[in-house]
């Protein structure tokens, strides 16, 4: 399925882990 709406972000792949949260 191709997303034709440029303002709607494509759903993330189910196997992609979320980016690590940086703490200070």
PDBML (XML) file of the C-alpha atoms, coordinates in Angstrom:
<?xml version="1.0" encoding="UTF-8" ?>
<PDBx:datablock datablockName="MODEL"
   xmlns:PDBx="http://pdbml.pdb.org/schema/pdbx-v50.xsd"
   xmlns:xsi="http://www.w3.org/2001/XMLSchema-instance"
   xsi:schemaLocation="http://pdbml.pdb.org/schema/pdbx-v50.xsd pdbx-v50.xsd">
   <PDBx:atom_siteCategory>
      <PDBx:atom_site id="1">
         <PDBx:B_iso_or_equiv>0.00</PDBx:B_iso_or_equiv>
         <PDBx:Cartn_x>0.000</PDBx:Cartn_x>
         <PDBx:Cartn_y>0.000</PDBx:Cartn_y>
         <PDBx:Cartn_z>0.000</PDBx:Cartn_z>
         <PDBx:auth_asym_id>A</PDBx:auth_asym_id>
         <PDBx:auth_atom_id>CA</PDBx:auth_atom_id>
         <PDBx:auth_comp_id>UNK</PDBx:auth_comp_id>
         <PDBx:auth_seq_id>1</PDBx:auth_seq_id>
         <PDBx:group_PDB>ATOM</PDBx:group_PDB>
         <PDBx:label_alt_id xsi:nil="true" />
         <PDBx:label_asym_id>A</PDBx:label_asym_id>
         <PDBx:label_atom_id>CA</PDBx:label_atom_id>
         <PDBx:label_comp_id>UNK</PDBx:label_comp_id>
         <PDBx:label_entity_id>1</PDBx:label_entity_id>
         <PDBx:label_seq_id>1</PDBx:label_seq_id>
         <PDBx:occupancy>1.00</PDBx:occupancy>
         <PDBx:pdbx_PDB_model_num>1</PDBx:pdbx_PDB_model_num>
         <PDBx:type_symbol>C</PDBx:type_symbol>
      </PDBx:atom_site>
      <PDBx:atom_site id="2">
         <PDBx:B_iso_or_equiv>0.00</PDBx:B_iso_or_equiv>
         <PDBx:Cartn_x>1.423</PDBx:Cartn_x>
         <PDBx:Cartn_y>3.361</PDBx:Cartn_y>
         <PDBx:Cartn_z>-1.151</PDBx:Cartn_z>
         <PDBx:auth_asym_id>A</PDBx:auth_asym_id>
         <PDBx:auth_atom_id>CA</PDBx:auth_atom_id>
         <PDBx:auth_comp_id>UNK</PDBx:auth_comp_id>
         <PDBx:auth_seq_id>2</PDBx:auth_seq_id>
         <PDBx:group_PDB>ATOM</PDBx:group_PDB>
         <PDBx:label_alt_id xsi:nil="true" />
         <PDBx:label_asym_id>A</PDBx:label_asym_id>
         <PDBx:label_atom_id>CA</PDBx:label_atom_id>
         <PDBx:label_comp_id>UNK</PDBx:label_comp_id>
         <PDBx:label_entity_id>1</PDBx:label_entity_id>
         <PDBx:label_seq_id>2</PDBx:label_seq_id>
         <PDBx:occupancy>1.00</PDBx:occupancy>
         <PDBx:pdbx_PDB_model_num>1</PDBx:pdbx_PDB_model_num>
         <PDBx:type_symbol>C</PDBx:type_symbol>
      </PDBx:atom_site>
      <PDBx:atom_site id="3">
         <PDBx:B_iso_or_equiv>0.00</PDBx:B_iso_or_equiv>
         <PDBx:Cartn_x>0.714</PDBx:Cartn_x>
         <PDBx:Cartn_y>6.502</PDBx:Cartn_y>
         <PDBx:Cartn_z>0.900</PDBx:Cartn_z>
         <PDBx:auth_asym_id>A</PDBx:auth_asym_id>
         <PDBx:auth_atom_id>CA</PDBx:auth_atom_id>
         <PDBx:auth_comp_id>UNK</PDBx:auth_comp_id>
         <PDBx:auth_seq_id>3</PDBx:auth_seq_id>
         <PDBx:group_PDB>ATOM</PDBx:group_PDB>
         <PDBx:label_alt_id xsi:nil="true" />
         <PDBx:label_asym_id>A</PDBx:label_asym_id>
         <PDBx:label_atom_id>CA</PDBx:label_atom_id>
         <PDBx:label_comp_id>UNK</PDBx:label_comp_id>
         <PDBx:label_entity_id>1</PDBx:label_entity_id>
         <PDBx:label_seq_id>3</PDBx:label_seq_id>
         <PDBx:occupancy>1.00</PDBx:occupancy>
         <PDBx:pdbx_PDB_model_num>1</PDBx:pdbx_PDB_model_num>
         <PDBx:type_symbol>C</PDBx:type_symbol>
      </PDBx:atom_site>
      <PDBx:atom_site id="4">
         <PDBx:B_iso_or_equiv>0.00</PDBx:B_iso_or_equiv>
         <PDBx:Cartn_x>-0.400</PDBx:Cartn_x>
         <PDBx:Cartn_y>9.244</PDBx:Cartn_y>
         <PDBx:Cartn_z>-1.528</PDBx:Cartn_z>
         <PDBx:auth_asym_id>A</PDBx:auth_asym_id>
         <PDBx:auth_atom_id>CA</PDBx:auth_atom_id>
         <PDBx:auth_comp_id>UNK</PDBx:auth_comp_id>
         <PDBx:auth_seq_id>4</PDBx:auth_seq_id>
         <PDBx:group_PDB>ATOM</PDBx:group_PDB>
         <PDBx:label_alt_id xsi:nil="true" />
         <PDBx:label_asym_id>A</PDBx:label_asym_id>
         <PDBx:label_atom_id>CA</PDBx:label_atom_id>
         <PDBx:label_comp_id>UNK</PDBx:label_comp_id>
         <PDBx:label_entity_id>1</PDBx:label_entity_id>
         <PDBx:label_seq_id>4</PDBx:label_seq_id>
         <PDBx:occupancy>1.00</PDBx:occupancy>
         <PDBx:pdbx_PDB_model_num>1</PDBx:pdbx_PDB_model_num>
         <PDBx:type_symbol>C</PDBx:type_symbol>
      </PDBx:atom_site>
      <PDBx:atom_site id="5">
         <PDBx:B_iso_or_equiv>0.00</PDBx:B_iso_or_equiv>
         <PDBx:Cartn_x>-0.999</PDBx:Cartn_x>
         <PDBx:Cartn_y>11.913</PDBx:Cartn_y>
         <PDBx:Cartn_z>1.148</PDBx:Cartn_z>
         <PDBx:auth_asym_id>A</PDBx:auth_asym_id>
         <PDBx:auth_atom_id>CA</PDBx:auth_atom_id>
         <PDBx:auth_comp_id>UNK</PDBx:auth_comp_id>
         <PDBx:auth_seq_id>5</PDBx:auth_seq_id>
         <PDBx:group_PDB>ATOM</PDBx:group_PDB>
         <PDBx:label_alt_id xsi:nil="true" />
         <PDBx:label_asym_id>A</PDBx:label_asym_id>
         <PDBx:label_atom_id>CA</PDBx:label_atom_id>
         <PDBx:label_comp_id>UNK</PDBx:label_comp_id>
         <PDBx:label_entity_id>1</PDBx:label_entity_id>
         <PDBx:label_seq_id>5</PDBx:label_seq_id>
         <PDBx:occupancy>1.00</PDBx:occupancy>
         <PDBx:pdbx_PDB_model_num>1</PDBx:pdbx_PDB_model_num>
         <PDBx:type_symbol>C</PDBx:type_symbol>
      </PDBx:atom_site>
      <PDBx:atom_site id="6">
         <PDBx:B_iso_or_equiv>0.00</PDBx:B_iso_or_equiv>
         <PDBx:Cartn_x>2.245</PDBx:Cartn_x>
         <PDBx:Cartn_y>13.900</PDBx:Cartn_y>
         <PDBx:Cartn_z>1.630</PDBx:Cartn_z>
         <PDBx:auth_asym_id>A</PDBx:auth_asym_id>
         <PDBx:auth_atom_id>CA</PDBx:auth_atom_id>
         <PDBx:auth_comp_id>UNK</PDBx:auth_comp_id>
         <PDBx:auth_seq_id>6</PDBx:auth_seq_id>
         <PDBx:group_PDB>ATOM</PDBx:group_PDB>
         <PDBx:label_alt_id xsi:nil="true" />
         <PDBx:label_asym_id>A</PDBx:label_asym_id>
         <PDBx:label_atom_id>CA</PDBx:label_atom_id>
         <PDBx:label_comp_id>UNK</PDBx:label_comp_id>
         <PDBx:label_entity_id>1</PDBx:label_entity_id>
         <PDBx:label_seq_id>6</PDBx:label_seq_id>
         <PDBx:occupancy>1.00</PDBx:occupancy>
         <PDBx:pdbx_PDB_model_num>1</PDBx:pdbx_PDB_model_num>
         <PDBx:type_symbol>C</PDBx:type_symbol>
      </PDBx:atom_site>
      <PDBx:atom_site id="7">
         <PDBx:B_iso_or_equiv>0.00</PDBx:B_iso_or_equiv>
         <PDBx:Cartn_x>1.017</PDBx:Cartn_x>
         <PDBx:Cartn_y>15.333</PDBx:Cartn_y>
         <PDBx:Cartn_z>4.952</PDBx:Cartn_z>
         <PDBx:auth_asym_id>A</PDBx:auth_asym_id>
         <PDBx:auth_atom_id>CA</PDBx:auth_atom_id>
         <PDBx:auth_comp_id>UNK</PDBx:auth_comp_id>
         <PDBx:auth_seq_id>7</PDBx:auth_seq_id>
         <PDBx:group_PDB>ATOM</PDBx:group_PDB>
         <PDBx:label_alt_id xsi:nil="true" />
         <PDBx:label_asym_id>A</PDBx:label_asym_id>
         <PDBx:label_atom_id>CA</PDBx:label_atom_id>
         <PDBx:label_comp_id>UNK</PDBx:label_comp_id>
         <PDBx:label_entity_id>1</PDBx:label_entity_id>
         <PDBx:label_seq_id>7</PDBx:label_seq_id>
         <PDBx:occupancy>1.00</PDBx:occupancy>
         <PDBx:pdbx_PDB_model_num>1</PDBx:pdbx_PDB_model_num>
         <PDBx:type_symbol>C</PDBx:type_symbol>
      </PDBx:atom_site>
      <PDBx:atom_site id="8">
         <PDBx:B_iso_or_equiv>0.00</PDBx:B_iso_or_equiv>
         <PDBx:Cartn_x>0.314</PDBx:Cartn_x>
         <PDBx:Cartn_y>11.957</PDBx:Cartn_y>
         <PDBx:Cartn_z>6.514</PDBx:Cartn_z>
         <PDBx:auth_asym_id>A</PDBx:auth_asym_id>
         <PDBx:auth_atom_id>CA</PDBx:auth_atom_id>
         <PDBx:auth_comp_id>UNK</PDBx:auth_comp_id>
         <PDBx:auth_seq_id>8</PDBx:auth_seq_id>
         <PDBx:group_PDB>ATOM</PDBx:group_PDB>
         <PDBx:label_alt_id xsi:nil="true" />
         <PDBx:label_asym_id>A</PDBx:label_asym_id>
         <PDBx:label_atom_id>CA</PDBx:label_atom_id>
         <PDBx:label_comp_id>UNK</PDBx:label_comp_id>
         <PDBx:label_entity_id>1</PDBx:label_entity_id>
         <PDBx:label_seq_id>8</PDBx:label_seq_id>
         <PDBx:occupancy>1.00</PDBx:occupancy>
         <PDBx:pdbx_PDB_model_num>1</PDBx:pdbx_PDB_model_num>
         <PDBx:type_symbol>C</PDBx:type_symbol>
      </PDBx:atom_site>
      <PDBx:atom_site id="9">
         <PDBx:B_iso_or_equiv>0.00</PDBx:B_iso_or_equiv>
         <PDBx:Cartn_x>3.425</PDBx:Cartn_x>
         <PDBx:Cartn_y>10.167</PDBx:Cartn_y>
         <PDBx:Cartn_z>7.705</PDBx:Cartn_z>
         <PDBx:auth_asym_id>A</PDBx:auth_asym_id>
         <PDBx:auth_atom_id>CA</PDBx:auth_atom_id>
         <PDBx:auth_comp_id>UNK</PDBx:auth_comp_id>
         <PDBx:auth_seq_id>9</PDBx:auth_seq_id>
         <PDBx:group_PDB>ATOM</PDBx:group_PDB>
         <PDBx:label_alt_id xsi:nil="true" />
         <PDBx:label_asym_id>A</PDBx:label_asym_id>
         <PDBx:label_atom_id>CA</PDBx:label_atom_id>
         <PDBx:label_comp_id>UNK</PDBx:label_comp_id>
         <PDBx:label_entity_id>1</PDBx:label_entity_id>
         <PDBx:label_seq_id>9</PDBx:label_seq_id>
         <PDBx:occupancy>1.00</PDBx:occupancy>
         <PDBx:pdbx_PDB_model_num>1</PDBx:pdbx_PDB_model_num>
         <PDBx:type_symbol>C</PDBx:type_symbol>
      </PDBx:atom_site>
      <PDBx:atom_site id="10">
         <PDBx:B_iso_or_equiv>0.00</PDBx:B_iso_or_equiv>
         <PDBx:Cartn_x>3.908</PDBx:Cartn_x>
         <PDBx:Cartn_y>6.619</PDBx:Cartn_y>
         <PDBx:Cartn_z>6.640</PDBx:Cartn_z>
         <PDBx:auth_asym_id>A</PDBx:auth_asym_id>
         <PDBx:auth_atom_id>CA</PDBx:auth_atom_id>
         <PDBx:auth_comp_id>UNK</PDBx:auth_comp_id>
         <PDBx:auth_seq_id>10</PDBx:auth_seq_id>
         <PDBx:group_PDB>ATOM</PDBx:group_PDB>
         <PDBx:label_alt_id xsi:nil="true" />
         <PDBx:label_asym_id>A</PDBx:label_asym_id>
         <PDBx:label_atom_id>CA</PDBx:label_atom_id>
         <PDBx:label_comp_id>UNK</PDBx:label_comp_id>
         <PDBx:label_entity_id>1</PDBx:label_entity_id>
         <PDBx:label_seq_id>10</PDBx:label_seq_id>
         <PDBx:occupancy>1.00</PDBx:occupancy>
         <PDBx:pdbx_PDB_model_num>1</PDBx:pdbx_PDB_model_num>
         <PDBx:type_symbol>C</PDBx:type_symbol>
      </PDBx:atom_site>
      <PDBx:atom_site id="11">
         <PDBx:B_iso_or_equiv>0.00</PDBx:B_iso_or_equiv>
         <PDBx:Cartn_x>3.351</PDBx:Cartn_x>
         <PDBx:Cartn_y>4.072</PDBx:Cartn_y>
         <PDBx:Cartn_z>9.407</PDBx:Cartn_z>
         <PDBx:auth_asym_id>A</PDBx:auth_asym_id>
         <PDBx:auth_atom_id>CA</PDBx:auth_atom_id>
         <PDBx:auth_comp_id>UNK</PDBx:auth_comp_id>
         <PDBx:auth_seq_id>11</PDBx:auth_seq_id>
         <PDBx:group_PDB>ATOM</PDBx:group_PDB>
         <PDBx:label_alt_id xsi:nil="true" />
         <PDBx:label_asym_id>A</PDBx:label_asym_id>
         <PDBx:label_atom_id>CA</PDBx:label_atom_id>
         <PDBx:label_comp_id>UNK</PDBx:label_comp_id>
         <PDBx:label_entity_id>1</PDBx:label_entity_id>
         <PDBx:label_seq_id>11</PDBx:label_seq_id>
         <PDBx:occupancy>1.00</PDBx:occupancy>
         <PDBx:pdbx_PDB_model_num>1</PDBx:pdbx_PDB_model_num>
         <PDBx:type_symbol>C</PDBx:type_symbol>
      </PDBx:atom_site>
      <PDBx:atom_site id="12">
         <PDBx:B_iso_or_equiv>0.00</PDBx:B_iso_or_equiv>
         <PDBx:Cartn_x>6.494</PDBx:Cartn_x>
         <PDBx:Cartn_y>2.805</PDBx:Cartn_y>
         <PDBx:Cartn_z>10.994</PDBx:Cartn_z>
         <PDBx:auth_asym_id>A</PDBx:auth_asym_id>
         <PDBx:auth_atom_id>CA</PDBx:auth_atom_id>
         <PDBx:auth_comp_id>UNK</PDBx:auth_comp_id>
         <PDBx:auth_seq_id>12</PDBx:auth_seq_id>
         <PDBx:group_PDB>ATOM</PDBx:group_PDB>
         <PDBx:label_alt_id xsi:nil="true" />
         <PDBx:label_asym_id>A</PDBx:label_asym_id>
         <PDBx:label_atom_id>CA</PDBx:label_atom_id>
         <PDBx:label_comp_id>UNK</PDBx:label_comp_id>
         <PDBx:label_entity_id>1</PDBx:label_entity_id>
         <PDBx:label_seq_id>12</PDBx:label_seq_id>
         <PDBx:occupancy>1.00</PDBx:occupancy>
         <PDBx:pdbx_PDB_model_num>1</PDBx:pdbx_PDB_model_num>
         <PDBx:type_symbol>C</PDBx:type_symbol>
      </PDBx:atom_site>
      <PDBx:atom_site id="13">
         <PDBx:B_iso_or_equiv>0.00</PDBx:B_iso_or_equiv>
         <PDBx:Cartn_x>7.569</PDBx:Cartn_x>
         <PDBx:Cartn_y>-0.681</PDBx:Cartn_y>
         <PDBx:Cartn_z>10.224</PDBx:Cartn_z>
         <PDBx:auth_asym_id>A</PDBx:auth_asym_id>
         <PDBx:auth_atom_id>CA</PDBx:auth_atom_id>
         <PDBx:auth_comp_id>UNK</PDBx:auth_comp_id>
         <PDBx:auth_seq_id>13</PDBx:auth_seq_id>
         <PDBx:group_PDB>ATOM</PDBx:group_PDB>
         <PDBx:label_alt_id xsi:nil="true" />
         <PDBx:label_asym_id>A</PDBx:label_asym_id>
         <PDBx:label_atom_id>CA</PDBx:label_atom_id>
         <PDBx:label_comp_id>UNK</PDBx:label_comp_id>
         <PDBx:label_entity_id>1</PDBx:label_entity_id>
         <PDBx:label_seq_id>13</PDBx:label_seq_id>
         <PDBx:occupancy>1.00</PDBx:occupancy>
         <PDBx:pdbx_PDB_model_num>1</PDBx:pdbx_PDB_model_num>
         <PDBx:type_symbol>C</PDBx:type_symbol>
      </PDBx:atom_site>
      <PDBx:atom_site id="14">
         <PDBx:B_iso_or_equiv>0.00</PDBx:B_iso_or_equiv>
         <PDBx:Cartn_x>6.516</PDBx:Cartn_x>
         <PDBx:Cartn_y>-3.082</PDBx:Cartn_y>
         <PDBx:Cartn_z>12.944</PDBx:Cartn_z>
         <PDBx:auth_asym_id>A</PDBx:auth_asym_id>
         <PDBx:auth_atom_id>CA</PDBx:auth_atom_id>
         <PDBx:auth_comp_id>UNK</PDBx:auth_comp_id>
         <PDBx:auth_seq_id>14</PDBx:auth_seq_id>
         <PDBx:group_PDB>ATOM</PDBx:group_PDB>
         <PDBx:label_alt_id xsi:nil="true" />
         <PDBx:label_asym_id>A</PDBx:label_asym_id>
         <PDBx:label_atom_id>CA</PDBx:label_atom_id>
         <PDBx:label_comp_id>UNK</PDBx:label_comp_id>
         <PDBx:label_entity_id>1</PDBx:label_entity_id>
         <PDBx:label_seq_id>14</PDBx:label_seq_id>
         <PDBx:occupancy>1.00</PDBx:occupancy>
         <PDBx:pdbx_PDB_model_num>1</PDBx:pdbx_PDB_model_num>
         <PDBx:type_symbol>C</PDBx:type_symbol>
      </PDBx:atom_site>
      <PDBx:atom_site id="15">
         <PDBx:B_iso_or_equiv>0.00</PDBx:B_iso_or_equiv>
         <PDBx:Cartn_x>10.020</PDBx:Cartn_x>
         <PDBx:Cartn_y>-4.445</PDBx:Cartn_y>
         <PDBx:Cartn_z>13.247</PDBx:Cartn_z>
         <PDBx:auth_asym_id>A</PDBx:auth_asym_id>
         <PDBx:auth_atom_id>CA</PDBx:auth_atom_id>
         <PDBx:auth_comp_id>UNK</PDBx:auth_comp_id>
         <PDBx:auth_seq_id>15</PDBx:auth_seq_id>
         <PDBx:group_PDB>ATOM</PDBx:group_PDB>
         <PDBx:label_alt_id xsi:nil="true" />
         <PDBx:label_asym_id>A</PDBx:label_asym_id>
         <PDBx:label_atom_id>CA</PDBx:label_atom_id>
         <PDBx:label_comp_id>UNK</PDBx:label_comp_id>
         <PDBx:label_entity_id>1</PDBx:label_entity_id>
         <PDBx:label_seq_id>15</PDBx:label_seq_id>
         <PDBx:occupancy>1.00</PDBx:occupancy>
         <PDBx:pdbx_PDB_model_num>1</PDBx:pdbx_PDB_model_num>
         <PDBx:type_symbol>C</PDBx:type_symbol>
      </PDBx:atom_site>
      <PDBx:atom_site id="16">
         <PDBx:B_iso_or_equiv>0.00</PDBx:B_iso_or_equiv>
         <PDBx:Cartn_x>11.718</PDBx:Cartn_x>
         <PDBx:Cartn_y>-1.010</PDBx:Cartn_y>
         <PDBx:Cartn_z>13.606</PDBx:Cartn_z>
         <PDBx:auth_asym_id>A</PDBx:auth_asym_id>
         <PDBx:auth_atom_id>CA</PDBx:auth_atom_id>
         <PDBx:auth_comp_id>UNK</PDBx:auth_comp_id>
         <PDBx:auth_seq_id>16</PDBx:auth_seq_id>
         <PDBx:group_PDB>ATOM</PDBx:group_PDB>
         <PDBx:label_alt_id xsi:nil="true" />
         <PDBx:label_asym_id>A</PDBx:label_asym_id>
         <PDBx:label_atom_id>CA</PDBx:label_atom_id>
         <PDBx:label_comp_id>UNK</PDBx:label_comp_id>
         <PDBx:label_entity_id>1</PDBx:label_entity_id>
         <PDBx:label_seq_id>16</PDBx:label_seq_id>
         <PDBx:occupancy>1.00</PDBx:occupancy>
         <PDBx:pdbx_PDB_model_num>1</PDBx:pdbx_PDB_model_num>
         <PDBx:type_symbol>C</PDBx:type_symbol>
      </PDBx:atom_site>
      <PDBx:atom_site id="17">
         <PDBx:B_iso_or_equiv>0.00</PDBx:B_iso_or_equiv>
         <PDBx:Cartn_x>12.673</PDBx:Cartn_x>
         <PDBx:Cartn_y>-0.323</PDBx:Cartn_y>
         <PDBx:Cartn_z>17.257</PDBx:Cartn_z>
         <PDBx:auth_asym_id>A</PDBx:auth_asym_id>
         <PDBx:auth_atom_id>CA</PDBx:auth_atom_id>
         <PDBx:auth_comp_id>UNK</PDBx:auth_comp_id>
         <PDBx:auth_seq_id>17</PDBx:auth_seq_id>
         <PDBx:group_PDB>ATOM</PDBx:group_PDB>
         <PDBx:label_alt_id xsi:nil="true" />
         <PDBx:label_asym_id>A</PDBx:label_asym_id>
         <PDBx:label_atom_id>CA</PDBx:label_atom_id>
         <PDBx:label_comp_id>UNK</PDBx:label_comp_id>
         <PDBx:label_entity_id>1</PDBx:label_entity_id>
         <PDBx:label_seq_id>17</PDBx:label_seq_id>
         <PDBx:occupancy>1.00</PDBx:occupancy>
         <PDBx:pdbx_PDB_model_num>1</PDBx:pdbx_PDB_model_num>
         <PDBx:type_symbol>C</PDBx:type_symbol>
      </PDBx:atom_site>
      <PDBx:atom_site id="18">
         <PDBx:B_iso_or_equiv>0.00</PDBx:B_iso_or_equiv>
         <PDBx:Cartn_x>11.943</PDBx:Cartn_x>
         <PDBx:Cartn_y>3.218</PDBx:Cartn_y>
         <PDBx:Cartn_z>18.544</PDBx:Cartn_z>
         <PDBx:auth_asym_id>A</PDBx:auth_asym_id>
         <PDBx:auth_atom_id>CA</PDBx:auth_atom_id>
         <PDBx:auth_comp_id>UNK</PDBx:auth_comp_id>
         <PDBx:auth_seq_id>18</PDBx:auth_seq_id>
         <PDBx:group_PDB>ATOM</PDBx:group_PDB>
         <PDBx:label_alt_id xsi:nil="true" />
         <PDBx:label_asym_id>A</PDBx:label_asym_id>
         <PDBx:label_atom_id>CA</PDBx:label_atom_id>
         <PDBx:label_comp_id>UNK</PDBx:label_comp_id>
         <PDBx:label_entity_id>1</PDBx:label_entity_id>
         <PDBx:label_seq_id>18</PDBx:label_seq_id>
         <PDBx:occupancy>1.00</PDBx:occupancy>
         <PDBx:pdbx_PDB_model_num>1</PDBx:pdbx_PDB_model_num>
         <PDBx:type_symbol>C</PDBx:type_symbol>
      </PDBx:atom_site>
      <PDBx:atom_site id="19">
         <PDBx:B_iso_or_equiv>0.00</PDBx:B_iso_or_equiv>
         <PDBx:Cartn_x>14.956</PDBx:Cartn_x>
         <PDBx:Cartn_y>5.559</PDBx:Cartn_y>
         <PDBx:Cartn_z>18.707</PDBx:Cartn_z>
         <PDBx:auth_asym_id>A</PDBx:auth_asym_id>
         <PDBx:auth_atom_id>CA</PDBx:auth_atom_id>
         <PDBx:auth_comp_id>UNK</PDBx:auth_comp_id>
         <PDBx:auth_seq_id>19</PDBx:auth_seq_id>
         <PDBx:group_PDB>ATOM</PDBx:group_PDB>
         <PDBx:label_alt_id xsi:nil="true" />
         <PDBx:label_asym_id>A</PDBx:label_asym_id>
         <PDBx:label_atom_id>CA</PDBx:label_atom_id>
         <PDBx:label_comp_id>UNK</PDBx:label_comp_id>
         <PDBx:label_entity_id>1</PDBx:label_entity_id>
         <PDBx:label_seq_id>19</PDBx:label_seq_id>
         <PDBx:occupancy>1.00</PDBx:occupancy>
         <PDBx:pdbx_PDB_model_num>1</PDBx:pdbx_PDB_model_num>
         <PDBx:type_symbol>C</PDBx:type_symbol>
      </PDBx:atom_site>
      <PDBx:atom_site id="20">
         <PDBx:B_iso_or_equiv>0.00</PDBx:B_iso_or_equiv>
         <PDBx:Cartn_x>16.686</PDBx:Cartn_x>
         <PDBx:Cartn_y>5.553</PDBx:Cartn_y>
         <PDBx:Cartn_z>22.086</PDBx:Cartn_z>
         <PDBx:auth_asym_id>A</PDBx:auth_asym_id>
         <PDBx:auth_atom_id>CA</PDBx:auth_atom_id>
         <PDBx:auth_comp_id>UNK</PDBx:auth_comp_id>
         <PDBx:auth_seq_id>20</PDBx:auth_seq_id>
         <PDBx:group_PDB>ATOM</PDBx:group_PDB>
         <PDBx:label_alt_id xsi:nil="true" />
         <PDBx:label_asym_id>A</PDBx:label_asym_id>
         <PDBx:label_atom_id>CA</PDBx:label_atom_id>
         <PDBx:label_comp_id>UNK</PDBx:label_comp_id>
         <PDBx:label_entity_id>1</PDBx:label_entity_id>
         <PDBx:label_seq_id>20</PDBx:label_seq_id>
         <PDBx:occupancy>1.00</PDBx:occupancy>
         <PDBx:pdbx_PDB_model_num>1</PDBx:pdbx_PDB_model_num>
         <PDBx:type_symbol>C</PDBx:type_symbol>
      </PDBx:atom_site>
      <PDBx:atom_site id="21">
         <PDBx:B_iso_or_equiv>0.00</PDBx:B_iso_or_equiv>
         <PDBx:Cartn_x>15.704</PDBx:Cartn_x>
         <PDBx:Cartn_y>8.381</PDBx:Cartn_y>
         <PDBx:Cartn_z>24.393</PDBx:Cartn_z>
         <PDBx:auth_asym_id>A</PDBx:auth_asym_id>
         <PDBx:auth_atom_id>CA</PDBx:auth_atom_id>
         <PDBx:auth_comp_id>UNK</PDBx:auth_comp_id>
         <PDBx:auth_seq_id>21</PDBx:auth_seq_id>
         <PDBx:group_PDB>ATOM</PDBx:group_PDB>
         <PDBx:label_alt_id xsi:nil="true" />
         <PDBx:label_asym_id>A</PDBx:label_asym_id>
         <PDBx:label_atom_id>CA</PDBx:label_atom_id>
         <PDBx:label_comp_id>UNK</PDBx:label_comp_id>
         <PDBx:label_entity_id>1</PDBx:label_entity_id>
         <PDBx:label_seq_id>21</PDBx:label_seq_id>
         <PDBx:occupancy>1.00</PDBx:occupancy>
         <PDBx:pdbx_PDB_model_num>1</PDBx:pdbx_PDB_model_num>
         <PDBx:type_symbol>C</PDBx:type_symbol>
      </PDBx:atom_site>
      <PDBx:atom_site id="22">
         <PDBx:B_iso_or_equiv>0.00</PDBx:B_iso_or_equiv>
         <PDBx:Cartn_x>18.648</PDBx:Cartn_x>
         <PDBx:Cartn_y>10.584</PDBx:Cartn_y>
         <PDBx:Cartn_z>25.306</PDBx:Cartn_z>
         <PDBx:auth_asym_id>A</PDBx:auth_asym_id>
         <PDBx:auth_atom_id>CA</PDBx:auth_atom_id>
         <PDBx:auth_comp_id>UNK</PDBx:auth_comp_id>
         <PDBx:auth_seq_id>22</PDBx:auth_seq_id>
         <PDBx:group_PDB>ATOM</PDBx:group_PDB>
         <PDBx:label_alt_id xsi:nil="true" />
         <PDBx:label_asym_id>A</PDBx:label_asym_id>
         <PDBx:label_atom_id>CA</PDBx:label_atom_id>
         <PDBx:label_comp_id>UNK</PDBx:label_comp_id>
         <PDBx:label_entity_id>1</PDBx:label_entity_id>
         <PDBx:label_seq_id>22</PDBx:label_seq_id>
         <PDBx:occupancy>1.00</PDBx:occupancy>
         <PDBx:pdbx_PDB_model_num>1</PDBx:pdbx_PDB_model_num>
         <PDBx:type_symbol>C</PDBx:type_symbol>
      </PDBx:atom_site>
      <PDBx:atom_site id="23">
         <PDBx:B_iso_or_equiv>0.00</PDBx:B_iso_or_equiv>
         <PDBx:Cartn_x>18.935</PDBx:Cartn_x>
         <PDBx:Cartn_y>11.641</PDBx:Cartn_y>
         <PDBx:Cartn_z>28.922</PDBx:Cartn_z>
         <PDBx:auth_asym_id>A</PDBx:auth_asym_id>
         <PDBx:auth_atom_id>CA</PDBx:auth_atom_id>
         <PDBx:auth_comp_id>UNK</PDBx:auth_comp_id>
         <PDBx:auth_seq_id>23</PDBx:auth_seq_id>
         <PDBx:group_PDB>ATOM</PDBx:group_PDB>
         <PDBx:label_alt_id xsi:nil="true" />
         <PDBx:label_asym_id>A</PDBx:label_asym_id>
         <PDBx:label_atom_id>CA</PDBx:label_atom_id>
         <PDBx:label_comp_id>UNK</PDBx:label_comp_id>
         <PDBx:label_entity_id>1</PDBx:label_entity_id>
         <PDBx:label_seq_id>23</PDBx:label_seq_id>
         <PDBx:occupancy>1.00</PDBx:occupancy>
         <PDBx:pdbx_PDB_model_num>1</PDBx:pdbx_PDB_model_num>
         <PDBx:type_symbol>C</PDBx:type_symbol>
      </PDBx:atom_site>
      <PDBx:atom_site id="24">
         <PDBx:B_iso_or_equiv>0.00</PDBx:B_iso_or_equiv>
         <PDBx:Cartn_x>21.204</PDBx:Cartn_x>
         <PDBx:Cartn_y>14.307</PDBx:Cartn_y>
         <PDBx:Cartn_z>30.424</PDBx:Cartn_z>
         <PDBx:auth_asym_id>A</PDBx:auth_asym_id>
         <PDBx:auth_atom_id>CA</PDBx:auth_atom_id>
         <PDBx:auth_comp_id>UNK</PDBx:auth_comp_id>
         <PDBx:auth_seq_id>24</PDBx:auth_seq_id>
         <PDBx:group_PDB>ATOM</PDBx:group_PDB>
         <PDBx:label_alt_id xsi:nil="true" />
         <PDBx:label_asym_id>A</PDBx:label_asym_id>
         <PDBx:label_atom_id>CA</PDBx:label_atom_id>
         <PDBx:label_comp_id>UNK</PDBx:label_comp_id>
         <PDBx:label_entity_id>1</PDBx:label_entity_id>
         <PDBx:label_seq_id>24</PDBx:label_seq_id>
         <PDBx:occupancy>1.00</PDBx:occupancy>
         <PDBx:pdbx_PDB_model_num>1</PDBx:pdbx_PDB_model_num>
         <PDBx:type_symbol>C</PDBx:type_symbol>
      </PDBx:atom_site>
   </PDBx:atom_siteCategory>
</PDBx:datablock>
